[in-house]
Amino acid sequence: MESVSTPRISAALMDSYVGHNVIIVGKVLQLRGDTAFLEADGQVQANLNRDCHLMVGNGAQIIGKVNSDLTIKVLNASDLGTNVDYQLSQNVVDVTHQFKDIFVYSDRAGMN
């Protein structure tokens, strides 16, 4: 089985990952029905599934697919509570994109 990465991104990088699975950590700003709005270096709209249980004001880790309209179809969501270091999370995003050869794998030949 070949390795495929699920990169950590922020809102600013979403347009580069349309059609791909990603991980986003952000603060839940608002919940409206089956939609959550998160702050993750910009606003992210996440289309939740019925297994998601998030709370406004808490941090959340979203694993999902970036849609062409730059929303996220959530595959899994974890409530991280209130004690989240968002700057550390953004630093991890920055480092993983600065050193892609270490962190990002393609779906064809292993490493990019």
PDB file of N, CA and C in Angstrom:
ATOM      1  N   MET A   1       0.836  -1.172   0.000  1.00  0.00           N
ATOM      2  CA  MET A   1       0.000   0.000   0.000  1.00  0.00           C
ATOM      3  C   MET A   1       0.886   1.241   0.000  1.00  0.00           C
ATOM      4  N   GLU A   2       0.562   2.193  -0.850  1.00  0.00           N
ATOM      5  CA  GLU A   2       1.356   3.407  -0.958  1.00  0.00           C
ATOM      6  C   GLU A   2       0.952   4.412   0.110  1.00  0.00           C
ATOM      7  N   SER A   3       1.910   5.225   0.540  1.00  0.00           N
ATOM      8  CA  SER A   3       1.648   6.266   1.522  1.00  0.00           C
ATOM      9  C   SER A   3       1.004   7.471   0.861  1.00  0.00           C
ATOM     10  N   VAL A   4      -0.018   8.012   1.501  1.00  0.00           N
ATOM     11  CA  VAL A   4      -0.671   9.229   1.057  1.00  0.00           C
ATOM     12  C   VAL A   4      -0.797  10.126   2.272  1.00  0.00           C
ATOM     13  N   SER A   5      -0.372  11.379   2.156  1.00  0.00           N
ATOM     14  CA  SER A   5      -0.440  12.272   3.302  1.00  0.00           C
ATOM     15  C   SER A   5      -1.770  13.012   3.343  1.00  0.00           C
ATOM     16  N   THR A   6      -2.130  13.436   4.533  1.00  0.00           N
ATOM     17  CA  THR A   6      -3.252  14.334   4.749  1.00  0.00           C
ATOM     18  C   THR A   6      -2.642  15.577   5.366  1.00  0.00           C
ATOM     19  N   PRO A   7      -2.322  16.567   4.537  1.00  0.00           N
ATOM     20  CA  PRO A   7      -1.578  17.722   5.034  1.00  0.00           C
ATOM     21  C   PRO A   7      -2.387  18.593   5.990  1.00  0.00           C
ATOM     22  N   ARG A   8      -1.673  19.195   6.919  1.00  0.00           N
ATOM     23  CA  ARG A   8      -2.265  20.203   7.805  1.00  0.00           C
ATOM     24  C   ARG A   8      -2.234  21.517   7.057  1.00  0.00           C
ATOM     25  N   ILE A   9      -3.396  22.170   6.989  1.00  0.00           N
ATOM     26  CA  ILE A   9      -3.474  23.440   6.287  1.00  0.00           C
ATOM     27  C   ILE A   9      -4.251  24.448   7.129  1.00  0.00           C
ATOM     28  N   SER A  10      -4.261  25.683   6.661  1.00  0.00           N
ATOM     29  CA  SER A  10      -5.104  26.736   7.227  1.00  0.00           C
ATOM     30  C   SER A  10      -6.008  27.240   6.105  1.00  0.00           C
ATOM     31  N   ALA A  11      -6.892  28.172   6.429  1.00  0.00           N
ATOM     32  CA  ALA A  11      -7.812  28.711   5.427  1.00  0.00           C
ATOM     33  C   ALA A  11      -7.063  29.307   4.245  1.00  0.00           C
ATOM     34  N   ALA A  12      -5.914  29.906   4.512  1.00  0.00           N
ATOM     35  CA  ALA A  12      -5.144  30.568   3.465  1.00  0.00           C
ATOM     36  C   ALA A  12      -4.635  29.600   2.390  1.00  0.00           C
ATOM     37  N   LEU A  13      -4.560  28.315   2.696  1.00  0.00           N
ATOM     38  CA  LEU A  13      -4.012  27.332   1.761  1.00  0.00           C
ATOM     39  C   LEU A  13      -5.081  26.467   1.081  1.00  0.00           C
ATOM     40  N   MET A  14      -6.345  26.690   1.409  1.00  0.00           N
ATOM     41  CA  MET A  14      -7.399  25.797   0.921  1.00  0.00           C
ATOM     42  C   MET A  14      -7.480  25.715  -0.595  1.00  0.00           C
ATOM     43  N   ASP A  15      -7.275  26.829  -1.294  1.00  0.00           N
ATOM     44  CA  ASP A  15      -7.416  26.793  -2.747  1.00  0.00           C
ATOM     45  C   ASP A  15      -6.378  25.914  -3.429  1.00  0.00           C
ATOM     46  N   SER A  16      -5.306  25.579  -2.731  1.00  0.00           N
ATOM     47  CA  SER A  16      -4.281  24.681  -3.283  1.00  0.00           C
ATOM     48  C   SER A  16      -4.604  23.204  -3.051  1.00  0.00           C
ATOM     49  N   TYR A  17      -5.670  22.914  -2.302  1.00  0.00           N
ATOM     50  CA  TYR A  17      -5.981  21.530  -1.940  1.00  0.00           C
ATOM     51  C   TYR A  17      -7.397  21.110  -2.313  1.00  0.00           C
ATOM     52  N   VAL A  18      -7.995  21.745  -3.303  1.00  0.00           N
ATOM     53  CA  VAL A  18      -9.329  21.357  -3.754  1.00  0.00           C
ATOM     54  C   VAL A  18      -9.297  19.902  -4.208  1.00  0.00           C
ATOM     55  N   GLY A  19     -10.238  19.119  -3.700  1.00  0.00           N
ATOM     56  CA  GLY A  19     -10.313  17.705  -4.050  1.00  0.00           C
ATOM     57  C   GLY A  19      -9.456  16.798  -3.199  1.00  0.00           C
ATOM     58  N   HIS A  20      -8.727  17.360  -2.240  1.00  0.00           N
ATOM     59  CA  HIS A  20      -7.831  16.575  -1.394  1.00  0.00           C
ATOM     60  C   HIS A  20      -8.316  16.556   0.055  1.00  0.00           C
ATOM     61  N   ASN A  21      -7.962  15.495   0.751  1.00  0.00           N
ATOM     62  CA  ASN A  21      -8.222  15.424   2.182  1.00  0.00           C
ATOM     63  C   ASN A  21      -7.166  16.226   2.926  1.00  0.00           C
ATOM     64  N   VAL A  22      -7.602  16.952   3.958  1.00  0.00           N
ATOM     65  CA  VAL A  22      -6.718  17.820   4.728  1.00  0.00           C
ATOM     66  C   VAL A  22      -7.084  17.747   6.206  1.00  0.00           C
ATOM     67  N   ILE A  23      -6.211  18.310   7.039  1.00  0.00           N
ATOM     68  CA  ILE A  23      -6.468  18.481   8.469  1.00  0.00           C
ATOM     69  C   ILE A  23      -6.397  19.972   8.760  1.00  0.00           C
ATOM     70  N   ILE A  24      -7.398  20.485   9.454  1.00  0.00           N
ATOM     71  CA  ILE A  24      -7.425  21.889   9.853  1.00  0.00           C
ATOM     72  C   ILE A  24      -7.748  21.972  11.339  1.00  0.00           C
ATOM     73  N   VAL A  25      -6.971  22.765  12.065  1.00  0.00           N
ATOM     74  CA  VAL A  25      -7.264  23.051  13.473  1.00  0.00           C
ATOM     75  C   VAL A  25      -7.663  24.514  13.553  1.00  0.00           C
ATOM     76  N   GLY A  26      -8.792  24.779  14.201  1.00  0.00           N
ATOM     77  CA  GLY A  26      -9.255  26.156  14.342  1.00  0.00           C
ATOM     78  C   GLY A  26     -10.243  26.291  15.478  1.00  0.00           C
ATOM     79  N   LYS A  27     -10.610  27.525  15.749  1.00  0.00           N
ATOM     80  CA  LYS A  27     -11.584  27.835  16.804  1.00  0.00           C
ATOM     81  C   LYS A  27     -12.970  27.907  16.185  1.00  0.00           C
ATOM     82  N   VAL A  28     -13.935  27.219  16.800  1.00  0.00           N
ATOM     83  CA  VAL A  28     -15.313  27.221  16.314  1.00  0.00           C
ATOM     84  C   VAL A  28     -15.945  28.579  16.649  1.00  0.00           C
ATOM     85  N   LEU A  29     -16.291  29.327  15.595  1.00  0.00           N
ATOM     86  CA  LEU A  29     -16.894  30.644  15.770  1.00  0.00           C
ATOM     87  C   LEU A  29     -18.410  30.578  15.829  1.00  0.00           C
ATOM     88  N   GLN A  30     -18.977  29.667  15.022  1.00  0.00           N
ATOM     89  CA  GLN A  30     -20.428  29.611  14.915  1.00  0.00           C
ATOM     90  C   GLN A  30     -20.845  28.235  14.426  1.00  0.00           C
ATOM     91  N   LEU A  31     -21.995  27.782  14.894  1.00  0.00           N
ATOM     92  CA  LEU A  31     -22.621  26.556  14.407  1.00  0.00           C
ATOM     93  C   LEU A  31     -24.001  26.924  13.876  1.00  0.00           C
ATOM     94  N   ARG A  32     -24.291  26.509  12.639  1.00  0.00           N
ATOM     95  CA  ARG A  32     -25.600  26.736  12.024  1.00  0.00           C
ATOM     96  C   ARG A  32     -26.059  25.444  11.388  1.00  0.00           C
ATOM     97  N   GLY A  33     -26.936  24.739  12.061  1.00  0.00           N
ATOM     98  CA  GLY A  33     -27.402  23.459  11.536  1.00  0.00           C
ATOM     99  C   GLY A  33     -26.247  22.490  11.376  1.00  0.00           C
ATOM    100  N   ASP A  34     -26.025  22.029  10.146  1.00  0.00           N
ATOM    101  CA  ASP A  34     -24.939  21.081   9.884  1.00  0.00           C
ATOM    102  C   ASP A  34     -23.688  21.780   9.347  1.00  0.00           C
ATOM    103  N   THR A  35     -23.540  23.076   9.656  1.00  0.00           N
ATOM    104  CA  THR A  35     -22.392  23.846   9.196  1.00  0.00           C
ATOM    105  C   THR A  35     -21.689  24.498  10.381  1.00  0.00           C
ATOM    106  N   ALA A  36     -20.373  24.410  10.387  1.00  0.00           N
ATOM    107  CA  ALA A  36     -19.557  25.083  11.407  1.00  0.00           C
ATOM    108  C   ALA A  36     -18.659  26.089  10.705  1.00  0.00           C
ATOM    109  N   PHE A  37     -18.461  27.226  11.347  1.00  0.00           N
ATOM    110  CA  PHE A  37     -17.536  28.234  10.859  1.00  0.00           C
ATOM    111  C   PHE A  37     -16.380  28.302  11.843  1.00  0.00           C
ATOM    112  N   LEU A  38     -15.169  28.121  11.338  1.00  0.00           N
ATOM    113  CA  LEU A  38     -13.979  28.109  12.174  1.00  0.00           C
ATOM    114  C   LEU A  38     -13.026  29.222  11.759  1.00  0.00           C
ATOM    115  N   GLU A  39     -12.234  29.687  12.729  1.00  0.00           N
ATOM    116  CA  GLU A  39     -11.142  30.614  12.465  1.00  0.00           C
ATOM    117  C   GLU A  39      -9.861  29.796  12.448  1.00  0.00           C
ATOM    118  N   ALA A  40      -9.204  29.766  11.298  1.00  0.00           N
ATOM    119  CA  ALA A  40      -7.948  29.024  11.131  1.00  0.00           C
ATOM    120  C   ALA A  40      -7.082  29.805  10.148  1.00  0.00           C
ATOM    121  N   ASP A  41      -6.535  30.921  10.610  1.00  0.00           N
ATOM    122  CA  ASP A  41      -5.778  31.837   9.746  1.00  0.00           C
ATOM    123  C   ASP A  41      -6.672  32.308   8.606  1.00  0.00           C
ATOM    124  N   GLY A  42      -7.920  32.570   8.914  1.00  0.00           N
ATOM    125  CA  GLY A  42      -8.970  32.924   7.971  1.00  0.00           C
ATOM    126  C   GLY A  42     -10.179  32.070   8.303  1.00  0.00           C
ATOM    127  N   GLN A  43     -11.312  32.373   7.721  1.00  0.00           N
ATOM    128  CA  GLN A  43     -12.527  31.624   8.037  1.00  0.00           C
ATOM    129  C   GLN A  43     -12.673  30.388   7.174  1.00  0.00           C
ATOM    130  N   VAL A  44     -13.099  29.308   7.812  1.00  0.00           N
ATOM    131  CA  VAL A  44     -13.332  28.022   7.140  1.00  0.00           C
ATOM    132  C   VAL A  44     -14.778  27.619   7.390  1.00  0.00           C
ATOM    133  N   GLN A  45     -15.467  27.222   6.325  1.00  0.00           N
ATOM    134  CA  GLN A  45     -16.820  26.688   6.450  1.00  0.00           C
ATOM    135  C   GLN A  45     -16.739  25.177   6.328  1.00  0.00           C
ATOM    136  N   ALA A  46     -17.182  24.480   7.378  1.00  0.00           N
ATOM    137  CA  ALA A  46     -17.110  23.018   7.409  1.00  0.00           C
ATOM    138  C   ALA A  46     -18.517  22.441   7.398  1.00  0.00           C
ATOM    139  N   ASN A  47     -18.782  21.564   6.432  1.00  0.00           N
ATOM    140  CA  ASN A  47     -20.066  20.886   6.328  1.00  0.00           C
ATOM    141  C   ASN A  47     -19.989  19.602   7.149  1.00  0.00           C
ATOM    142  N   LEU A  48     -20.647  19.624   8.302  1.00  0.00           N
ATOM    143  CA  LEU A  48     -20.521  18.558   9.295  1.00  0.00           C
ATOM    144  C   LEU A  48     -21.375  17.347   8.943  1.00  0.00           C
ATOM    145  N   ASN A  49     -20.965  16.211   9.478  1.00  0.00           N
ATOM    146  CA  ASN A  49     -21.811  15.017   9.413  1.00  0.00           C
ATOM    147  C   ASN A  49     -22.505  14.858  10.765  1.00  0.00           C
ATOM    148  N   ARG A  50     -23.427  13.923  10.878  1.00  0.00           N
ATOM    149  CA  ARG A  50     -24.212  13.822  12.116  1.00  0.00           C
ATOM    150  C   ARG A  50     -23.427  13.305  13.308  1.00  0.00           C
ATOM    151  N   ASP A  51     -22.219  12.808  13.094  1.00  0.00           N
ATOM    152  CA  ASP A  51     -21.389  12.317  14.185  1.00  0.00           C
ATOM    153  C   ASP A  51     -20.542  13.410  14.817  1.00  0.00           C
ATOM    154  N   CYS A  52     -20.602  14.630  14.297  1.00  0.00           N
ATOM    155  CA  CYS A  52     -19.784  15.739  14.790  1.00  0.00           C
ATOM    156  C   CYS A  52     -20.484  16.419  15.963  1.00  0.00           C
ATOM    157  N   HIS A  53     -19.722  16.630  17.025  1.00  0.00           N
ATOM    158  CA  HIS A  53     -20.251  17.294  18.214  1.00  0.00           C
ATOM    159  C   HIS A  53     -19.264  18.372  18.638  1.00  0.00           C
ATOM    160  N   LEU A  54     -19.420  19.554  18.073  1.00  0.00           N
ATOM    161  CA  LEU A  54     -18.525  20.671  18.352  1.00  0.00           C
ATOM    162  C   LEU A  54     -19.259  21.704  19.195  1.00  0.00           C
ATOM    163  N   MET A  55     -18.471  22.557  19.886  1.00  0.00           N
ATOM    164  CA  MET A  55     -19.047  23.623  20.689  1.00  0.00           C
ATOM    165  C   MET A  55     -18.437  24.952  20.299  1.00  0.00           C
ATOM    166  N   VAL A  56     -19.267  25.986  20.207  1.00  0.00           N
ATOM    167  CA  VAL A  56     -18.798  27.338  19.894  1.00  0.00           C
ATOM    168  C   VAL A  56     -17.806  27.779  20.964  1.00  0.00           C
ATOM    169  N   GLY A  57     -16.680  28.336  20.522  1.00  0.00           N
ATOM    170  CA  GLY A  57     -15.642  28.806  21.429  1.00  0.00           C
ATOM    171  C   GLY A  57     -14.540  27.792  21.669  1.00  0.00           C
ATOM    172  N   ASN A  58     -14.804  26.540  21.369  1.00  0.00           N
ATOM    173  CA  ASN A  58     -13.794  25.495  21.536  1.00  0.00           C
ATOM    174  C   ASN A  58     -12.957  25.359  20.272  1.00  0.00           C
ATOM    175  N   GLY A  59     -11.802  24.745  20.437  1.00  0.00           N
ATOM    176  CA  GLY A  59     -10.992  24.385  19.292  1.00  0.00           C
ATOM    177  C   GLY A  59     -11.530  23.107  18.681  1.00  0.00           C
ATOM    178  N   ALA A  60     -11.232  22.911  17.407  1.00  0.00           N
ATOM    179  CA  ALA A  60     -11.658  21.689  16.721  1.00  0.00           C
ATOM    180  C   ALA A  60     -10.595  21.281  15.721  1.00  0.00           C
ATOM    181  N   GLN A  61     -10.440  19.980  15.582  1.00  0.00           N
ATOM    182  CA  GLN A  61      -9.612  19.433  14.507  1.00  0.00           C
ATOM    183  C   GLN A  61     -10.560  18.809  13.505  1.00  0.00           C
ATOM    184  N   ILE A  62     -10.470  19.283  12.267  1.00  0.00           N
ATOM    185  CA  ILE A  62     -11.332  18.804  11.188  1.00  0.00           C
ATOM    186  C   ILE A  62     -10.482  18.026  10.199  1.00  0.00           C
ATOM    187  N   ILE A  63     -10.932  16.837   9.863  1.00  0.00           N
ATOM    188  CA  ILE A  63     -10.344  16.067   8.777  1.00  0.00           C
ATOM    189  C   ILE A  63     -11.422  15.969   7.715  1.00  0.00           C
ATOM    190  N   GLY A  64     -11.097  16.439   6.517  1.00  0.00           N
ATOM    191  CA  GLY A  64     -12.114  16.415   5.483  1.00  0.00           C
ATOM    192  C   GLY A  64     -11.560  16.754   4.121  1.00  0.00           C
ATOM    193  N   LYS A  65     -12.460  16.771   3.151  1.00  0.00           N
ATOM    194  CA  LYS A  65     -12.099  17.014   1.756  1.00  0.00           C
ATOM    195  C   LYS A  65     -12.484  18.442   1.385  1.00  0.00           C
ATOM    196  N   VAL A  66     -11.548  19.146   0.721  1.00  0.00           N
ATOM    197  CA  VAL A  66     -11.797  20.517   0.277  1.00  0.00           C
ATOM    198  C   VAL A  66     -12.636  20.474  -0.995  1.00  0.00           C
ATOM    199  N   ASN A  67     -13.798  21.111  -0.937  1.00  0.00           N
ATOM    200  CA  ASN A  67     -14.696  21.195  -2.090  1.00  0.00           C
ATOM    201  C   ASN A  67     -14.287  22.347  -3.009  1.00  0.00           C
ATOM    202  N   SER A  68     -14.799  22.339  -4.221  1.00  0.00           N
ATOM    203  CA  SER A  68     -14.454  23.378  -5.197  1.00  0.00           C
ATOM    204  C   SER A  68     -14.896  24.767  -4.752  1.00  0.00           C
ATOM    205  N   ASP A  69     -15.909  24.856  -3.889  1.00  0.00           N
ATOM    206  CA  ASP A  69     -16.353  26.154  -3.374  1.00  0.00           C
ATOM    207  C   ASP A  69     -15.578  26.556  -2.108  1.00  0.00           C
ATOM    208  N   LEU A  70     -14.490  25.830  -1.835  1.00  0.00           N
ATOM    209  CA  LEU A  70     -13.593  26.072  -0.694  1.00  0.00           C
ATOM    210  C   LEU A  70     -14.259  25.881   0.660  1.00  0.00           C
ATOM    211  N   THR A  71     -15.259  25.002   0.700  1.00  0.00           N
ATOM    212  CA  THR A  71     -15.787  24.512   1.964  1.00  0.00           C
ATOM    213  C   THR A  71     -15.140  23.161   2.218  1.00  0.00           C
ATOM    214  N   ILE A  72     -15.327  22.638   3.415  1.00  0.00           N
ATOM    215  CA  ILE A  72     -14.772  21.332   3.768  1.00  0.00           C
ATOM    216  C   ILE A  72     -15.915  20.352   4.005  1.00  0.00           C
ATOM    217  N   LYS A  73     -15.871  19.216   3.338  1.00  0.00           N
ATOM    218  CA  LYS A  73     -16.795  18.120   3.646  1.00  0.00           C
ATOM    219  C   LYS A  73     -16.128  17.313   4.757  1.00  0.00           C
ATOM    220  N   VAL A  74     -16.668  17.407   5.951  1.00  0.00           N
ATOM    221  CA  VAL A  74     -16.040  16.813   7.126  1.00  0.00           C
ATOM    222  C   VAL A  74     -16.191  15.297   7.119  1.00  0.00           C
ATOM    223  N   LEU A  75     -15.063  14.620   7.291  1.00  0.00           N
ATOM    224  CA  LEU A  75     -15.055  13.171   7.456  1.00  0.00           C
ATOM    225  C   LEU A  75     -14.988  12.819   8.938  1.00  0.00           C
ATOM    226  N   ASN A  76     -14.254  13.653   9.694  1.00  0.00           N
ATOM    227  CA  ASN A  76     -14.107  13.451  11.144  1.00  0.00           C
ATOM    228  C   ASN A  76     -13.848  14.801  11.787  1.00  0.00           C
ATOM    229  N   ALA A  77     -14.445  15.017  12.939  1.00  0.00           N
ATOM    230  CA  ALA A  77     -14.216  16.257  13.678  1.00  0.00           C
ATOM    231  C   ALA A  77     -14.029  15.921  15.151  1.00  0.00           C
ATOM    232  N   SER A  78     -13.028  16.555  15.758  1.00  0.00           N
ATOM    233  CA  SER A  78     -12.760  16.348  17.187  1.00  0.00           C
ATOM    234  C   SER A  78     -12.816  17.686  17.897  1.00  0.00           C
ATOM    235  N   ASP A  79     -13.581  17.734  18.979  1.00  0.00           N
ATOM    236  CA  ASP A  79     -13.622  18.923  19.824  1.00  0.00           C
ATOM    237  C   ASP A  79     -12.378  18.901  20.696  1.00  0.00           C
ATOM    238  N   LEU A  80     -11.586  19.971  20.653  1.00  0.00           N
ATOM    239  CA  LEU A  80     -10.322  20.033  21.387  1.00  0.00           C
ATOM    240  C   LEU A  80     -10.433  20.805  22.697  1.00  0.00           C
ATOM    241  N   GLY A  81     -11.616  21.305  23.025  1.00  0.00           N
ATOM    242  CA  GLY A  81     -11.789  22.065  24.250  1.00  0.00           C
ATOM    243  C   GLY A  81     -11.325  23.503  24.092  1.00  0.00           C
ATOM    244  N   THR A  82     -11.117  24.167  25.224  1.00  0.00           N
ATOM    245  CA  THR A  82     -10.789  25.596  25.200  1.00  0.00           C
ATOM    246  C   THR A  82      -9.295  25.878  25.300  1.00  0.00           C
ATOM    247  N   ASN A  83      -8.514  24.914  25.709  1.00  0.00           N
ATOM    248  CA  ASN A  83      -7.080  25.134  25.930  1.00  0.00           C
ATOM    249  C   ASN A  83      -6.279  24.711  24.695  1.00  0.00           C
ATOM    250  N   VAL A  84      -6.397  25.501  23.618  1.00  0.00           N
ATOM    251  CA  VAL A  84      -5.735  25.185  22.352  1.00  0.00           C
ATOM    252  C   VAL A  84      -4.762  26.306  22.013  1.00  0.00           C
ATOM    253  N   ASP A  85      -3.549  25.950  21.668  1.00  0.00           N
ATOM    254  CA  ASP A  85      -2.548  26.928  21.247  1.00  0.00           C
ATOM    255  C   ASP A  85      -2.632  27.046  19.726  1.00  0.00           C
ATOM    256  N   TYR A  86      -3.415  28.019  19.257  1.00  0.00           N
ATOM    257  CA  TYR A  86      -3.636  28.181  17.819  1.00  0.00           C
ATOM    258  C   TYR A  86      -2.371  28.633  17.104  1.00  0.00           C
ATOM    259  N   GLN A  87      -1.532  29.383  17.770  1.00  0.00           N
ATOM    260  CA  GLN A  87      -0.282  29.816  17.152  1.00  0.00           C
ATOM    261  C   GLN A  87       0.634  28.614  16.910  1.00  0.00           C
ATOM    262  N   LEU A  88       0.685  27.694  17.867  1.00  0.00           N
ATOM    263  CA  LEU A  88       1.470  26.472  17.685  1.00  0.00           C
ATOM    264  C   LEU A  88       0.926  25.658  16.512  1.00  0.00           C
ATOM    265  N   SER A  89      -0.382  25.564  16.422  1.00  0.00           N
ATOM    266  CA  SER A  89      -0.997  24.838  15.313  1.00  0.00           C
ATOM    267  C   SER A  89      -0.626  25.480  13.977  1.00  0.00           C
ATOM    268  N   GLN A  90      -0.654  26.804  13.909  1.00  0.00           N
ATOM    269  CA  GLN A  90      -0.281  27.501  12.676  1.00  0.00           C
ATOM    270  C   GLN A  90       1.201  27.304  12.375  1.00  0.00           C
ATOM    271  N   ASN A  91       2.030  27.272  13.415  1.00  0.00           N
ATOM    272  CA  ASN A  91       3.459  27.026  13.210  1.00  0.00           C
ATOM    273  C   ASN A  91       3.700  25.644  12.599  1.00  0.00           C
ATOM    274  N   VAL A  92       2.923  24.662  13.036  1.00  0.00           N
ATOM    275  CA  VAL A  92       3.038  23.310  12.468  1.00  0.00           C
ATOM    276  C   VAL A  92       2.653  23.337  10.988  1.00  0.00           C
ATOM    277  N   VAL A  93       1.586  24.057  10.644  1.00  0.00           N
ATOM    278  CA  VAL A  93       1.190  24.201   9.233  1.00  0.00           C
ATOM    279  C   VAL A  93       2.337  24.817   8.441  1.00  0.00           C
ATOM    280  N   ASP A  94       2.900  25.894   8.966  1.00  0.00           N
ATOM    281  CA  ASP A  94       3.979  26.593   8.261  1.00  0.00           C
ATOM    282  C   ASP A  94       5.191  25.693   8.032  1.00  0.00           C
ATOM    283  N   VAL A  95       5.589  24.967   9.070  1.00  0.00           N
ATOM    284  CA  VAL A  95       6.775  24.100   8.962  1.00  0.00           C
ATOM    285  C   VAL A  95       6.529  22.951   7.996  1.00  0.00           C
ATOM    286  N   THR A  96       5.338  22.357   8.040  1.00  0.00           N
ATOM    287  CA  THR A  96       5.078  21.228   7.140  1.00  0.00           C
ATOM    288  C   THR A  96       5.064  21.661   5.681  1.00  0.00           C
ATOM    289  N   HIS A  97       4.696  22.905   5.425  1.00  0.00           N
ATOM    290  CA  HIS A  97       4.698  23.389   4.040  1.00  0.00           C
ATOM    291  C   HIS A  97       6.062  23.928   3.633  1.00  0.00           C
ATOM    292  N   GLN A  98       6.850  24.332   4.599  1.00  0.00           N
ATOM    293  CA  GLN A  98       8.213  24.774   4.305  1.00  0.00           C
ATOM    294  C   GLN A  98       9.102  23.581   3.962  1.00  0.00           C
ATOM    295  N   PHE A  99       8.842  22.443   4.593  1.00  0.00           N
ATOM    296  CA  PHE A  99       9.634  21.232   4.384  1.00  0.00           C
ATOM    297  C   PHE A  99       8.756  20.113   3.846  1.00  0.00           C
ATOM    298  N   LYS A 100       8.118  20.343   2.697  1.00  0.00           N
ATOM    299  CA  LYS A 100       7.197  19.372   2.110  1.00  0.00           C
ATOM    300  C   LYS A 100       7.835  18.018   1.851  1.00  0.00           C
ATOM    301  N   ASP A 101       9.122  18.002   1.496  1.00  0.00           N
ATOM    302  CA  ASP A 101       9.771  16.724   1.191  1.00  0.00           C
ATOM    303  C   ASP A 101       9.813  15.800   2.396  1.00  0.00           C
ATOM    304  N   ILE A 102       9.664  16.330   3.582  1.00  0.00           N
ATOM    305  CA  ILE A 102       9.642  15.511   4.794  1.00  0.00           C
ATOM    306  C   ILE A 102       8.212  15.082   5.139  1.00  0.00           C
ATOM    307  N   PHE A 103       7.241  15.983   4.956  1.00  0.00           N
ATOM    308  CA  PHE A 103       5.892  15.778   5.482  1.00  0.00           C
ATOM    309  C   PHE A 103       4.829  15.398   4.477  1.00  0.00           C
ATOM    310  N   VAL A 104       5.017  15.694   3.193  1.00  0.00           N
ATOM    311  CA  VAL A 104       3.951  15.500   2.216  1.00  0.00           C
ATOM    312  C   VAL A 104       4.314  14.366   1.268  1.00  0.00           C
ATOM    313  N   TYR A 105       3.391  13.436   1.118  1.00  0.00           N
ATOM    314  CA  TYR A 105       3.567  12.291   0.223  1.00  0.00           C
ATOM    315  C   TYR A 105       2.541  12.368  -0.881  1.00  0.00           C
ATOM    316  N   SER A 106       2.934  11.960  -2.061  1.00  0.00           N
ATOM    317  CA  SER A 106       1.973  11.932  -3.179  1.00  0.00           C
ATOM    318  C   SER A 106       1.262  10.589  -3.177  1.00  0.00           C
ATOM    319  N   ASP A 107       0.244  10.487  -4.019  1.00  0.00           N
ATOM    320  CA  ASP A 107      -0.481   9.221  -4.112  1.00  0.00           C
ATOM    321  C   ASP A 107       0.082   8.317  -5.208  1.00  0.00           C
ATOM    322  N   ARG A 108       1.157   8.754  -5.857  1.00  0.00           N
ATOM    323  CA  ARG A 108       1.728   7.934  -6.927  1.00  0.00           C
ATOM    324  C   ARG A 108       3.052   7.298  -6.558  1.00  0.00           C
ATOM    325  N   ALA A 109       4.047   8.113  -6.329  1.00  0.00           N
ATOM    326  CA  ALA A 109       5.405   7.567  -6.230  1.00  0.00           C
ATOM    327  C   ALA A 109       6.015   7.713  -4.834  1.00  0.00           C
ATOM    328  N   GLY A 110       5.221   7.881  -3.804  1.00  0.00           N
ATOM    329  CA  GLY A 110       5.798   8.054  -2.483  1.00  0.00           C
ATOM    330  C   GLY A 110       5.960   9.517  -2.174  1.00  0.00           C
ATOM    331  N   MET A 111       7.194   9.979  -2.113  1.00  0.00           N
ATOM    332  CA  MET A 111       7.433  11.373  -1.722  1.00  0.00           C
ATOM    333  C   MET A 111       7.385  12.299  -2.921  1.00  0.00           C
ATOM    334  N   ASN A 112       6.969  13.544  -2.661  1.00  0.00           N
ATOM    335  CA  ASN A 112       6.998  14.594  -3.695  1.00  0.00           C
ATOM    336  C   ASN A 112       8.411  15.040  -3.946  1.00  0.00           C
TER     337      ASN A 112
END
